[in-house]
């Protein structure tokens, strides 16, 4: 009975990865719900203070024993935490004040393409025409989204600031993803603690700026505290745990394909929870982006493997 239950739960990669993507998509909804109630830097500050506190409680011994392994990685740790966690999250929650959860999710779907471009530039990875076509389609999809399918908006540069901020934030997190290639061989949750504590420290200047500009808003009711708790526990801890387990079961390449579910789930959650309207340009943009990702992550990689044979 236990083995059957295990196969259906913690050994079920598809279930774990689907739930992970649902949790990450929920972050777009949390961002929208908090957009006019809690200021972006307060969310980032509270998120990573909670996460780092939880991790140090459960991973204290491993954190202490891992300190020697990270002595030569302090600059790397700072940039990873400050840009990948604080920078990305800050821009994400700022953009949530100006655009829809549907748009946030769809733009997030471009990250695999940006990571591939970074791999080509910084790690000299080989590519092929199929993958280049996939990249091209992915960014065409983003242009369709930010212009709302209207060429005039694009030509006049009358674009939504929230969409542009979100797109820029994707470059920060893609840089973080590429930086993980340099990670030391330690427990992933210990590494996450160091990223989290760095992100927590790096959020202080943002808090001071918000306070100086009188833009700071702390959570002050039950619903707002629940949003913070959700952000700290589900996208940051539970979903991450599910993703790590999913990678262990089926490998990083296959697991990364599930990231394409984030824009799909974000769209559905935005419609159901926030009553957002799904427009034709949303659907067209999503289809173009997902097809572009399919070209470079599936067909392009399969073509590479056939050439090696």
Foldseek 3Di string as FASTA:
>chain_A
DVVVVCCVPLLPLVVLLLLLLLLVLVLLVLLLVCLVFAQQLQLLLLQLVVQLVVLCVVCVVQLVVCPVVCPVPVVVLLLLLLQQRQVLSSLSSNLSNFDFSLLLQLLLLLLVLLLVVVCCPPVVDDFDPLLVQLSVLQVVLLVLVQQVNDVVCVVVVVGTPSNVSSNVSSNSNSVSVVSCVPDDPGDPSSSLSSSSVSNNVSSVVVQVVCVVVVNGHDDDDDVNVVSSVSSNDRNSPSSVVSLVSSCVNPHDLVSVLSNLCNSVSSVVCRCVPVVDDDDPSSVVSSVSNNVSCCRNSPVGVVVVVVVVD
